């Protein structure tokens, strides 16, 4: 694993790059949740399983977290910083898959098409604020891009519905942190990558 700092219009972001052994099938760039980091259990599990499956995994810590703040920056600033990082990580002609957990999943969904991503992996996509189902964020989910959403059936932020492009897998007994059955969640993510030829 290599850790580097990348300058963005919103300050420096921290990036961890883990290349696989042998052939690289794709590049998976993952972002963290609003108040958390890239060491969240579900992100760590997906990272390890994807690297083992021939995927170059890039974990991105947003500038506001690098600066020590827990409160997230506004959505436009998150998207701007994320896009700057993804533009600099170097996919080297490999398929680019973007994703993340919670807030990071939202950022990936909003920016996937402009960044030229081939697919989106959304962990614990927060469909709405807790207790406010009328404030749906379903319109942030990509259209025209293969997308996998992995959410717990006890997620207080809700679970989005499937569409022609969005596959939704509900994890039994899991809450928003997806800690329950985290290894199986990672296996589902890599199986999805494999189905599209993005992992071995």
Foldseek 3Di string as FASTA:
>chain_A
DDWDWDQFPVGIKIKDKDFAPDAAQWEEEEEEAQQDACVQLLNVLLVVLQSPFRHIYMYIGFRCVVVPDRGHDDLVNRLRRVLRVLVPPDGPPHAYEYEYEASRRLSCLQCVVVSVHQEYEYELHQQAPQPCNVRGPVVSHHDPHAYEYEEEPAESSDFDDADPRYHYDYDYPDYSSRPVPSNVVSVVVVVVCVVVRRGD
